[in-house]
Structure formats: C-alpha cells, structure tokens
Amino acid sequence: MTDLERLSTTVEAFCRFIEGLPEDDLVEQEWGPQEVLAHLVYYHQLYVAQVEALLAGAPFEPPQGRYSDLNAQAVALSCGVPPAELVARFRAANRRLGELAASPQAEAIVLEIKQGVKPRRLYFLIPEIEAHVRNHLQQLAKSRRATA
C-alpha cells in the first residue's frame, strides 16, 4: 500500500468512526470528536491551499502562532457546522490532497505547516499526516471504549 493509499484508508476509517457515533457524542465539547474532526479538516484544507498556491506560483502565507491557538481557531471556525458537513469537507480535502500529491510537480513541493516550523517535502509529509489522523482515531476510539 502506498503512503497516499494508507492516508486515504485512514481518513475514511476516521470518517466512518465519526459517522457511527451517536449524536450525543458529537455535541460540542472542549476536545471531543467534533473538535478533533474540525482540527483535522482545518489542517487538511491548509495543506491543499498551500500546495495549490505553490503549484500555481502564488504566494502563500503559512499561519503563525502556537499549535494550541491554531487548533482553537479551527474549532471556532467550525462552530455550528454539522458533523456530516465536516466529514464531507474532510473527504473532499483528502481527495484533493491525494490528487495534488500524485502529480509529477508535487515532488518539488515543500510545505511550511506554520511559520517557524521546518519546511518539509510533501512526499515526506504524507506519512506524518496519516499518522496524525490515525493517532487521533485511536485516541477517540480508546476514549469511547473507556466511557462505554
């Protein structure tokens, strides 16, 4: 399985997990399933926007600030957005990221996740993105088992 296939499989598993939760689990919390989903959608959309800008030769200003502040911003931006819509956005962003990462020009793409962080080639970032999604899925599943 390629890194892109693994990422797509993990994103789909995360989406199915969210879709399988009862509505009560998807109410807004400090850092529950909906907030984690919003966080993942934010970063996936950020990767896509940055890669598209770089491929088009357009400037891209990576976000600045601490990760905790960026995560809070991601959650605030999704406030009131139904989980089904966030899942659809996550799938769409992942599909687009896969298309972009599979393009021949992608080998030269170097992303800066946020200002002040060491830039990384998209090719090497894909496994890290997959691990990030997988780790959140495992944490949420473990938390759900503990409260069930």
C-alpha atoms as a PDB file:
ATOM      1  CA  MET A   1       0.000   0.000   0.000  1.00  0.00           C
ATOM      2  CA  THR A   2       1.381   3.424  -0.893  1.00  0.00           C
ATOM      3  CA  ASP A   3       1.539   6.306   1.558  1.00  0.00           C
ATOM      4  CA  LEU A   4      -1.343   8.031  -0.267  1.00  0.00           C
ATOM      5  CA  GLU A   5      -3.467   4.875  -0.159  1.00  0.00           C
ATOM      6  CA  ARG A   6      -2.724   4.477   3.540  1.00  0.00           C
ATOM      7  CA  LEU A   7      -3.713   8.112   4.164  1.00  0.00           C
ATOM      8  CA  SER A   8      -6.980   7.665   2.264  1.00  0.00           C
ATOM      9  CA  THR A   9      -7.757   4.451   4.156  1.00  0.00           C
ATOM     10  CA  THR A  10      -7.097   6.136   7.498  1.00  0.00           C
ATOM     11  CA  VAL A  11      -9.131   9.236   6.647  1.00  0.00           C
ATOM     12  CA  GLU A  12     -12.028   7.022   5.556  1.00  0.00           C
ATOM     13  CA  ALA A  13     -11.783   4.996   8.780  1.00  0.00           C
ATOM     14  CA  PHE A  14     -11.865   8.227  10.778  1.00  0.00           C
ATOM     15  CA  CYS A  15     -14.900   9.478   8.838  1.00  0.00           C
ATOM     16  CA  ARG A  16     -16.755   6.183   9.335  1.00  0.00           C
ATOM     17  CA  PHE A  17     -15.937   6.320  13.055  1.00  0.00           C
ATOM     18  CA  ILE A  18     -17.449   9.817  13.321  1.00  0.00           C
ATOM     19  CA  GLU A  19     -20.478   8.788  11.264  1.00  0.00           C
ATOM     20  CA  GLY A  20     -21.025   5.818  13.575  1.00  0.00           C
ATOM     21  CA  LEU A  21     -21.121   7.874  16.753  1.00  0.00           C
ATOM     22  CA  PRO A  22     -24.422   8.641  18.443  1.00  0.00           C
ATOM     23  CA  GLU A  23     -25.499  12.285  18.250  1.00  0.00           C
ATOM     24  CA  ASP A  24     -24.813  12.719  21.967  1.00  0.00           C
ATOM     25  CA  ASP A  25     -21.114  12.094  21.355  1.00  0.00           C
ATOM     26  CA  LEU A  26     -20.997  14.831  18.737  1.00  0.00           C
ATOM     27  CA  VAL A  27     -22.156  17.716  20.898  1.00  0.00           C
ATOM     28  CA  GLU A  28     -19.633  20.489  21.267  1.00  0.00           C
ATOM     29  CA  GLN A  29     -17.089  19.704  23.964  1.00  0.00           C
ATOM     30  CA  GLU A  30     -13.719  21.032  25.000  1.00  0.00           C
ATOM     31  CA  TRP A  31     -11.893  18.449  22.848  1.00  0.00           C
ATOM     32  CA  GLY A  32     -14.324  15.773  21.733  1.00  0.00           C
ATOM     33  CA  PRO A  33     -14.862  14.002  18.407  1.00  0.00           C
ATOM     34  CA  GLN A  34     -16.350  17.076  16.691  1.00  0.00           C
ATOM     35  CA  GLU A  35     -13.439  19.277  17.742  1.00  0.00           C
ATOM     36  CA  VAL A  36     -10.855  16.713  16.655  1.00  0.00           C
ATOM     37  CA  LEU A  37     -12.639  16.418  13.315  1.00  0.00           C
ATOM     38  CA  ALA A  38     -12.624  20.219  12.906  1.00  0.00           C
ATOM     39  CA  HIS A  39      -8.897  20.245  13.716  1.00  0.00           C
ATOM     40  CA  LEU A  40      -8.143  17.586  11.086  1.00  0.00           C
ATOM     41  CA  VAL A  41     -10.301  19.318   8.461  1.00  0.00           C
ATOM     42  CA  TYR A  42      -8.515  22.611   9.126  1.00  0.00           C
ATOM     43  CA  TYR A  43      -5.079  21.127   8.559  1.00  0.00           C
ATOM     44  CA  HIS A  44      -6.106  19.100   5.509  1.00  0.00           C
ATOM     45  CA  GLN A  45      -7.607  22.205   3.914  1.00  0.00           C
ATOM     46  CA  LEU A  46      -4.470  24.146   4.837  1.00  0.00           C
ATOM     47  CA  TYR A  47      -2.242  21.575   3.108  1.00  0.00           C
ATOM     48  CA  VAL A  48      -4.410  21.704  -0.009  1.00  0.00           C
ATOM     49  CA  ALA A  49      -4.458  25.508  -0.120  1.00  0.00           C
ATOM     50  CA  GLN A  50      -0.702  25.690   0.296  1.00  0.00           C
ATOM     51  CA  VAL A  51       0.075  23.064  -2.350  1.00  0.00           C
ATOM     52  CA  GLU A  52      -2.349  24.652  -4.826  1.00  0.00           C
ATOM     53  CA  ALA A  53      -0.783  28.075  -4.267  1.00  0.00           C
ATOM     54  CA  LEU A  54       2.744  26.747  -4.668  1.00  0.00           C
ATOM     55  CA  LEU A  55       1.870  24.839  -7.833  1.00  0.00           C
ATOM     56  CA  ALA A  56       0.269  27.989  -9.252  1.00  0.00           C
ATOM     57  CA  GLY A  57       3.340  30.056  -8.356  1.00  0.00           C
ATOM     58  CA  ALA A  58       1.254  32.167  -5.991  1.00  0.00           C
ATOM     59  CA  PRO A  59       2.477  33.360  -2.624  1.00  0.00           C
ATOM     60  CA  PHE A  60       1.199  31.534   0.442  1.00  0.00           C
ATOM     61  CA  GLU A  61       1.465  32.852   3.963  1.00  0.00           C
ATOM     62  CA  PRO A  62       1.524  29.944   6.412  1.00  0.00           C
ATOM     63  CA  PRO A  63      -0.367  30.529   9.630  1.00  0.00           C
ATOM     64  CA  GLN A  64       1.535  31.803  12.608  1.00  0.00           C
ATOM     65  CA  GLY A  65       1.124  31.144  16.268  1.00  0.00           C
ATOM     66  CA  ARG A  66       1.167  28.205  18.610  1.00  0.00           C
ATOM     67  CA  TYR A  67      -0.471  24.951  17.603  1.00  0.00           C
ATOM     68  CA  SER A  68      -2.879  25.281  20.528  1.00  0.00           C
ATOM     69  CA  ASP A  69      -4.031  28.665  19.188  1.00  0.00           C
ATOM     70  CA  LEU A  70      -4.396  27.297  15.653  1.00  0.00           C
ATOM     71  CA  ASN A  71      -6.385  24.343  16.984  1.00  0.00           C
ATOM     72  CA  ALA A  72      -8.668  26.689  18.923  1.00  0.00           C
ATOM     73  CA  GLN A  73      -9.129  28.749  15.754  1.00  0.00           C
ATOM     74  CA  ALA A  74     -10.002  25.613  13.767  1.00  0.00           C
ATOM     75  CA  VAL A  75     -12.615  24.626  16.330  1.00  0.00           C
ATOM     76  CA  ALA A  76     -14.059  28.155  16.440  1.00  0.00           C
ATOM     77  CA  LEU A  77     -14.334  28.254  12.640  1.00  0.00           C
ATOM     78  CA  SER A  78     -16.371  25.053  12.688  1.00  0.00           C
ATOM     79  CA  CYS A  79     -18.704  26.090  15.476  1.00  0.00           C
ATOM     80  CA  GLY A  80     -22.243  25.276  14.387  1.00  0.00           C
ATOM     81  CA  VAL A  81     -21.131  23.280  11.344  1.00  0.00           C
ATOM     82  CA  PRO A  82     -22.861  19.882  11.396  1.00  0.00           C
ATOM     83  CA  PRO A  83     -20.552  16.872  11.743  1.00  0.00           C
ATOM     84  CA  ALA A  84     -21.792  15.476   8.414  1.00  0.00           C
ATOM     85  CA  GLU A  85     -20.612  18.655   6.680  1.00  0.00           C
ATOM     86  CA  LEU A  86     -17.205  18.452   8.366  1.00  0.00           C
ATOM     87  CA  VAL A  87     -16.885  14.802   7.317  1.00  0.00           C
ATOM     88  CA  ALA A  88     -17.733  15.777   3.727  1.00  0.00           C
ATOM     89  CA  ARG A  89     -15.106  18.548   3.843  1.00  0.00           C
ATOM     90  CA  PHE A  90     -12.525  16.131   5.245  1.00  0.00           C
ATOM     91  CA  ARG A  91     -13.151  13.602   2.481  1.00  0.00           C
ATOM     92  CA  ALA A  92     -13.059  16.317  -0.197  1.00  0.00           C
ATOM     93  CA  ALA A  93      -9.831  17.828   1.142  1.00  0.00           C
ATOM     94  CA  ASN A  94      -8.220  14.399   1.372  1.00  0.00           C
ATOM     95  CA  ARG A  95      -9.280  13.528  -2.176  1.00  0.00           C
ATOM     96  CA  ARG A  96      -7.801  16.813  -3.429  1.00  0.00           C
ATOM     97  CA  LEU A  97      -4.618  16.369  -1.400  1.00  0.00           C
ATOM     98  CA  GLY A  98      -4.195  12.926  -2.937  1.00  0.00           C
ATOM     99  CA  GLU A  99      -4.627  14.321  -6.450  1.00  0.00           C
ATOM    100  CA  LEU A 100      -2.099  17.063  -5.787  1.00  0.00           C
ATOM    101  CA  ALA A 101       0.416  14.761  -4.121  1.00  0.00           C
ATOM    102  CA  ALA A 102       0.186  12.307  -7.024  1.00  0.00           C
ATOM    103  CA  SER A 103       1.007  14.973  -9.607  1.00  0.00           C
ATOM    104  CA  PRO A 104       4.538  14.996 -11.092  1.00  0.00           C
ATOM    105  CA  GLN A 105       5.150  18.548  -9.842  1.00  0.00           C
ATOM    106  CA  ALA A 106       4.477  17.519  -6.237  1.00  0.00           C
ATOM    107  CA  GLU A 107       7.963  16.079  -5.761  1.00  0.00           C
ATOM    108  CA  ALA A 108       9.336  19.607  -5.612  1.00  0.00           C
ATOM    109  CA  ILE A 109       6.669  20.929  -3.221  1.00  0.00           C
ATOM    110  CA  VAL A 110       7.948  21.969   0.188  1.00  0.00           C
ATOM    111  CA  LEU A 111       5.356  22.878   2.805  1.00  0.00           C
ATOM    112  CA  GLU A 112       5.650  25.054   5.852  1.00  0.00           C
ATOM    113  CA  ILE A 113       2.842  23.927   8.174  1.00  0.00           C
ATOM    114  CA  LYS A 114       3.086  27.139  10.150  1.00  0.00           C
ATOM    115  CA  GLN A 115       5.569  29.945  10.377  1.00  0.00           C
ATOM    116  CA  GLY A 116       8.726  28.987  12.211  1.00  0.00           C
ATOM    117  CA  VAL A 117       8.393  25.241  11.582  1.00  0.00           C
ATOM    118  CA  LYS A 118      10.966  23.444   9.471  1.00  0.00           C
ATOM    119  CA  PRO A 119       9.618  23.133   5.902  1.00  0.00           C
ATOM    120  CA  ARG A 120       9.135  19.566   4.672  1.00  0.00           C
ATOM    121  CA  ARG A 121       8.634  17.988   1.295  1.00  0.00           C
ATOM    122  CA  LEU A 122       5.046  16.976   0.680  1.00  0.00           C
ATOM    123  CA  TYR A 123       6.233  13.487  -0.207  1.00  0.00           C
ATOM    124  CA  PHE A 124       7.656  13.018   3.307  1.00  0.00           C
ATOM    125  CA  LEU A 125       4.774  14.795   4.996  1.00  0.00           C
ATOM    126  CA  ILE A 126       2.081  12.374   3.732  1.00  0.00           C
ATOM    127  CA  PRO A 127       3.051   9.564   6.189  1.00  0.00           C
ATOM    128  CA  GLU A 128       3.115  12.120   9.020  1.00  0.00           C
ATOM    129  CA  ILE A 129      -0.355  13.327   8.101  1.00  0.00           C
ATOM    130  CA  GLU A 130      -1.599   9.738   8.034  1.00  0.00           C
ATOM    131  CA  ALA A 131      -0.085   9.059  11.473  1.00  0.00           C
ATOM    132  CA  HIS A 132      -1.665  12.241  12.821  1.00  0.00           C
ATOM    133  CA  VAL A 133      -5.148  11.162  11.686  1.00  0.00           C
ATOM    134  CA  ARG A 134      -4.584   7.569  12.866  1.00  0.00           C
ATOM    135  CA  ASN A 135      -3.404   8.702  16.302  1.00  0.00           C
ATOM    136  CA  HIS A 136      -6.492  10.876  16.753  1.00  0.00           C
ATOM    137  CA  LEU A 137      -8.716   7.993  15.658  1.00  0.00           C
ATOM    138  CA  GLN A 138      -7.052   5.643  18.144  1.00  0.00           C
ATOM    139  CA  GLN A 139      -7.360   8.187  20.964  1.00  0.00           C
ATOM    140  CA  LEU A 140     -11.047   8.791  20.256  1.00  0.00           C
ATOM    141  CA  ALA A 141     -11.798   5.069  19.979  1.00  0.00           C
ATOM    142  CA  LYS A 142      -9.967   4.400  23.258  1.00  0.00           C
ATOM    143  CA  SER A 143     -11.832   7.217  24.986  1.00  0.00           C
ATOM    144  CA  ARG A 144     -15.140   5.896  23.679  1.00  0.00           C
ATOM    145  CA  ARG A 145     -14.383   2.382  24.959  1.00  0.00           C
ATOM    146  CA  ALA A 146     -13.439   3.781  28.359  1.00  0.00           C
ATOM    147  CA  THR A 147     -16.756   5.626  28.718  1.00  0.00           C
ATOM    148  CA  ALA A 148     -18.921   2.846  27.294  1.00  0.00           C
END
